[in-house]
């Protein structure tokens, strides 16, 4: 008899709603068993599916819990969840905190659970991961309209930006706390490749831009990798994100303890 993968969702904005729809509209052996959101008004029409207190997550016996909200969720709940079940987090900027990364790895090893990081639809991620020991440099450039950047943590007023402006240029570890909801792609690339301190991130904004662009340039002896993705954007997230999350949820099968980039 086929088993059903029980999935809990944290975050019920546009991404969470899209992922739920993908799970429930496909014959994929998955079932959503709870939805949690910090804005409890989003749970009003969900009936028993809504879970107001995330501290009660274990009562739903989820095989996998998926975070689609904010890196603070992983900081507060990541290891608690991994003591009980598997966990996927799209807010990869949480891993810029080295102590948290080590804590997650130790928890998965102790409890035999798995942590997953979706690739976010980044073309070339496999090449970054497979060649991580030879890259001499990895640069990531993101271009967006300032209206699609959450600038609160950086103390920047997006309305004040009237022309092309560089908001950040430096190590990826530094950009993550400044723009935690916008640069998960940078964080995933850094984690897959040469790390948060050696990967260089640039965030450039211009109110004239209507699409989001992410360009990766990696160099090694005899290897020069350049990949660029241009996509429509809703809010602070690209259009490919829900599909990446959904596909990762389907691939949670045979992997051991640790943090997995899928």
Protein backbone atom coordinates (compact mmCIF):
# COMPACT_ATOMS: atom_id res chain seq x y z
CA UNK A 1 0.00 0.00 0.00
CA UNK A 2 1.36 3.41 -0.98
CA UNK A 3 2.10 5.74 1.91
CA UNK A 4 1.01 9.37 2.05
CA UNK A 5 3.55 12.08 2.86
CA UNK A 6 2.04 14.40 5.46
CA UNK A 7 3.13 18.01 4.89
CA UNK A 8 2.84 21.02 7.20
CA UNK A 9 3.11 24.53 5.77
CA UNK A 10 4.46 27.58 7.62
CA UNK A 11 3.55 30.80 5.82
CA UNK A 12 0.33 31.24 3.89
CA UNK A 13 1.02 34.19 1.65
CA UNK A 14 1.19 33.95 -2.13
CA UNK A 15 3.89 31.26 -2.06
CA UNK A 16 2.20 29.14 0.59
CA UNK A 17 -1.15 29.31 -1.17
CA UNK A 18 0.45 28.31 -4.49
CA UNK A 19 2.31 25.37 -2.94
CA UNK A 20 -0.85 24.14 -1.21
CA UNK A 21 -2.73 24.28 -4.51
CA UNK A 22 0.02 22.31 -6.27
CA UNK A 23 0.01 19.63 -3.58
CA UNK A 24 -3.77 19.27 -3.49
CA UNK A 25 -4.36 19.42 -7.26
CA UNK A 26 -1.90 16.67 -8.19
CA UNK A 27 -1.92 12.92 -7.59
CA UNK A 28 1.39 12.96 -5.76
CA UNK A 29 0.89 10.95 -2.57
CA UNK A 30 1.02 14.09 -0.41
CA UNK A 31 -1.43 15.60 2.03
CA UNK A 32 -1.37 19.01 3.71
CA UNK A 33 -2.01 18.38 7.42
CA UNK A 34 -1.62 21.91 8.80
CA UNK A 35 -1.07 25.51 7.78
CA UNK A 36 0.46 28.08 10.13
CA UNK A 37 0.91 31.80 9.61
CA UNK A 38 1.96 34.61 11.95
CA UNK A 39 -1.03 36.54 10.57
CA UNK A 40 -3.77 34.35 12.04
CA UNK A 41 -6.43 36.12 9.95
CA UNK A 42 -5.13 34.08 7.01
CA UNK A 43 -6.21 30.91 8.82
CA UNK A 44 -9.82 31.95 9.41
CA UNK A 45 -11.34 29.95 6.56
CA UNK A 46 -9.10 26.87 6.91
CA UNK A 47 -11.04 25.08 9.62
CA UNK A 48 -9.11 22.30 11.33
CA UNK A 49 -6.28 22.71 8.82
CA UNK A 50 -5.26 25.98 10.46
CA UNK A 51 -2.68 25.77 13.25
CA UNK A 52 -2.46 29.03 15.19
CA UNK A 53 0.21 27.92 17.66
CA UNK A 54 3.26 26.49 15.90
CA UNK A 55 4.26 24.94 19.21
CA UNK A 56 1.55 22.34 18.51
CA UNK A 57 3.15 21.19 15.24
CA UNK A 58 3.98 17.72 16.55
CA UNK A 59 0.30 16.98 17.14
CA UNK A 60 -0.23 16.87 13.36
CA UNK A 61 2.38 14.12 12.77
CA UNK A 62 3.84 15.78 9.65
CA UNK A 63 6.53 13.92 7.71
CA UNK A 64 7.84 17.23 6.39
CA UNK A 65 7.33 20.83 7.50
CA UNK A 66 7.95 23.56 4.94
CA UNK A 67 8.84 27.13 5.96
CA UNK A 68 7.79 29.88 3.52
CA UNK A 69 7.73 32.87 5.83
CA UNK A 70 10.91 34.43 7.27
CA UNK A 71 14.34 33.26 8.50
CA UNK A 72 13.23 34.04 12.06
CA UNK A 73 11.06 30.90 11.87
CA UNK A 74 14.14 28.74 11.38
CA UNK A 75 16.03 30.58 14.10
CA UNK A 76 13.23 29.92 16.60
CA UNK A 77 11.78 26.62 15.45
CA UNK A 78 14.25 24.93 13.08
CA UNK A 79 16.02 22.66 15.56
CA UNK A 80 12.81 22.02 17.54
CA UNK A 81 11.13 20.79 14.36
CA UNK A 82 14.16 18.72 13.33
CA UNK A 83 14.12 16.93 16.68
CA UNK A 84 10.77 15.48 15.56
CA UNK A 85 10.55 15.46 11.75
CA UNK A 86 12.01 16.69 8.46
CA UNK A 87 12.17 20.41 7.66
CA UNK A 88 12.51 22.46 4.49
CA UNK A 89 13.17 26.19 4.65
CA UNK A 90 13.06 28.61 1.74
CA UNK A 91 14.43 31.45 3.87
CA UNK A 92 17.97 30.23 3.27
CA UNK A 93 19.41 33.50 4.57
CA UNK A 94 19.06 31.89 8.01
CA UNK A 95 22.19 29.84 7.17
CA UNK A 96 24.30 33.02 7.13
CA UNK A 97 24.30 32.49 10.89
CA UNK A 98 27.10 29.94 11.16
CA UNK A 99 26.12 28.85 14.68
CA UNK A 100 22.58 28.10 13.48
CA UNK A 101 23.90 26.13 10.51
CA UNK A 102 26.04 23.98 12.80
CA UNK A 103 23.13 23.51 15.20
CA UNK A 104 20.86 22.33 12.37
CA UNK A 105 23.50 19.88 11.13
CA UNK A 106 24.06 18.52 14.65
CA UNK A 107 20.32 18.12 15.26
CA UNK A 108 19.77 16.16 12.04
CA UNK A 109 22.69 13.88 12.87
CA UNK A 110 21.42 13.23 16.40
CA UNK A 111 17.78 12.64 15.49
CA UNK A 112 18.13 11.13 11.99
CA UNK A 113 16.02 13.83 10.38
CA UNK A 114 16.68 15.84 7.22
CA UNK A 115 16.81 19.55 6.44
CA UNK A 116 16.17 20.68 2.86
CA UNK A 117 17.03 23.86 1.01
CA UNK A 118 15.19 24.31 -2.32
CA UNK A 119 17.31 25.62 -5.16
CA UNK A 120 14.83 28.38 -5.97
CA UNK A 121 14.83 27.64 -9.68
CA UNK A 122 18.50 28.64 -10.07
CA UNK A 123 19.87 27.18 -13.29
CA UNK A 124 23.47 26.01 -12.82
CA UNK A 125 23.10 25.06 -9.15
CA UNK A 126 24.20 21.48 -9.86
CA UNK A 127 27.42 22.76 -11.44
CA UNK A 128 28.12 24.98 -8.43
CA UNK A 129 27.61 22.09 -6.03
CA UNK A 130 29.52 19.48 -8.01
CA UNK A 131 32.53 21.77 -8.51
CA UNK A 132 32.50 23.55 -5.13
CA UNK A 133 36.08 22.43 -4.38
CA UNK A 134 37.59 24.08 -7.46
CA UNK A 135 35.81 27.46 -7.78
CA UNK A 136 38.15 30.39 -7.25
CA UNK A 137 35.35 32.96 -7.26
CA UNK A 138 31.55 33.08 -7.41
CA UNK A 139 29.69 36.35 -8.03
CA UNK A 140 25.91 36.78 -7.78
CA UNK A 141 24.20 39.88 -9.15
CA UNK A 142 20.49 40.51 -8.50
CA UNK A 143 18.58 43.32 -10.22
CA UNK A 144 15.06 44.34 -9.17
CA UNK A 145 12.76 47.28 -8.84
CA UNK A 146 13.07 48.80 -5.34
CA UNK A 147 9.33 48.21 -4.84
CA UNK A 148 10.11 44.47 -4.90
CA UNK A 149 12.78 44.72 -2.20
CA UNK A 150 12.03 44.61 1.52
CA UNK A 151 14.44 47.30 2.71
CA UNK A 152 13.23 47.58 6.32
CA UNK A 153 16.19 45.77 7.93
CA UNK A 154 18.65 47.83 5.86
CA UNK A 155 17.01 51.13 6.84
CA UNK A 156 16.47 52.14 3.20
CA UNK A 157 13.34 53.90 1.91
CA UNK A 158 12.57 52.32 -1.49
CA UNK A 159 10.41 55.31 -2.41
CA UNK A 160 13.50 57.52 -2.29
CA UNK A 161 15.26 55.56 -5.04
CA UNK A 162 14.75 57.21 -8.44
CA UNK A 163 17.57 55.71 -10.53
CA UNK A 164 19.81 52.66 -10.75
CA UNK A 165 21.32 52.19 -7.30
CA UNK A 166 23.66 49.61 -5.79
CA UNK A 167 22.24 48.65 -2.40
CA UNK A 168 24.95 46.14 -1.54
CA UNK A 169 28.27 44.90 -2.90
CA UNK A 170 30.26 42.51 -0.73
CA UNK A 171 30.34 39.04 0.87
CA UNK A 172 27.06 37.12 0.84
CA UNK A 173 27.12 36.70 4.60
CA UNK A 174 26.72 40.47 4.95
CA UNK A 175 23.74 40.89 2.63
CA UNK A 176 21.60 38.20 4.30
CA UNK A 177 20.68 40.11 7.51
CA UNK A 178 20.17 43.33 5.52
CA UNK A 179 17.68 41.88 3.01
CA UNK A 180 16.59 38.58 4.60
CA UNK A 181 13.46 38.11 2.46
CA UNK A 182 15.05 39.03 -0.88
CA UNK A 183 18.38 37.26 -1.19
CA UNK A 184 17.59 33.61 -0.49
CA UNK A 185 18.92 32.85 -3.96
CA UNK A 186 22.25 34.41 -2.98
CA UNK A 187 22.30 32.32 0.19
CA UNK A 188 21.50 29.08 -1.65
CA UNK A 189 24.25 29.79 -4.20
CA UNK A 190 26.75 30.51 -1.42
CA UNK A 191 25.79 27.34 0.43
CA UNK A 192 26.02 25.24 -2.71
CA UNK A 193 29.33 26.76 -3.77
CA UNK A 194 32.23 28.33 -1.91
CA UNK A 195 30.49 29.63 1.19
CA UNK A 196 28.99 32.82 2.54
CA UNK A 197 32.30 34.63 3.06
CA UNK A 198 33.93 33.93 -0.31
CA UNK A 199 30.82 34.40 -2.48
CA UNK A 200 30.34 38.02 -3.61
CA UNK A 201 26.80 39.44 -3.73
CA UNK A 202 25.51 42.56 -5.42
CA UNK A 203 21.97 43.91 -5.17
CA UNK A 204 21.08 46.60 -7.69
CA UNK A 205 17.70 48.31 -7.96
CA UNK A 206 16.06 50.61 -10.48
CA UNK A 207 12.38 51.68 -10.46
CA UNK A 208 12.35 51.35 -14.27
CA UNK A 209 12.84 47.58 -14.12
CA UNK A 210 9.74 45.36 -14.30
CA UNK A 211 11.46 41.95 -14.13
CA UNK A 212 13.95 40.44 -11.72
CA UNK A 213 17.36 39.28 -12.96
CA UNK A 214 19.80 36.97 -11.20
CA UNK A 215 23.21 36.42 -12.81
CA UNK A 216 25.84 33.96 -11.56
CA UNK A 217 29.48 34.07 -12.64
CA UNK A 218 31.80 31.36 -11.30
CA UNK A 219 35.46 30.91 -12.27
CA UNK A 220 37.92 28.07 -11.80
CA UNK A 221 41.04 26.94 -13.66
CA UNK A 222 39.80 26.06 -17.13
CA UNK A 223 36.14 26.66 -16.21
CA UNK A 224 34.05 29.80 -16.63
CA UNK A 225 30.36 29.47 -15.75
CA UNK A 226 27.89 32.27 -16.48
CA UNK A 227 24.15 31.83 -15.95
CA UNK A 228 21.40 34.46 -16.03
CA UNK A 229 17.73 34.13 -15.14
CA UNK A 230 15.12 36.77 -15.91
CA UNK A 231 11.60 36.35 -14.55
CA UNK A 232 8.47 38.14 -13.54
CA UNK A 233 8.22 38.93 -9.84
CA UNK A 234 5.33 39.15 -7.40
CA UNK A 235 6.02 40.92 -4.13
CA UNK A 236 9.56 40.05 -3.11
CA UNK A 237 9.62 36.58 -4.70
CA UNK A 238 10.20 35.29 -8.21
CA UNK A 239 7.61 33.32 -10.15
CA UNK A 240 9.68 30.10 -10.12
CA UNK A 241 9.81 29.79 -6.32
CA UNK A 242 6.54 27.88 -5.67
CA UNK A 243 7.33 25.29 -8.34
CA UNK A 244 10.83 24.83 -6.92
CA UNK A 245 9.39 24.24 -3.45
CA UNK A 246 6.75 21.83 -4.73
CA UNK A 247 9.28 19.82 -6.73
CA UNK A 248 11.60 19.62 -3.74
CA UNK A 249 8.75 18.35 -1.56
CA UNK A 250 8.26 15.53 -4.05
CA UNK A 251 11.95 14.57 -3.88
CA UNK A 252 12.30 14.11 -0.12
CA UNK A 253 12.91 10.36 -0.45
CA UNK A 254 16.25 8.65 0.00
CA UNK A 255 18.63 11.07 1.69
CA UNK A 256 20.39 10.82 5.02
CA UNK A 257 20.81 13.31 7.87
CA UNK A 258 22.17 16.80 7.12
CA UNK A 259 21.18 19.86 5.11
CA UNK A 260 20.29 19.02 1.52
CA UNK A 261 20.17 21.37 -1.45
CA UNK A 262 17.49 20.05 -3.80
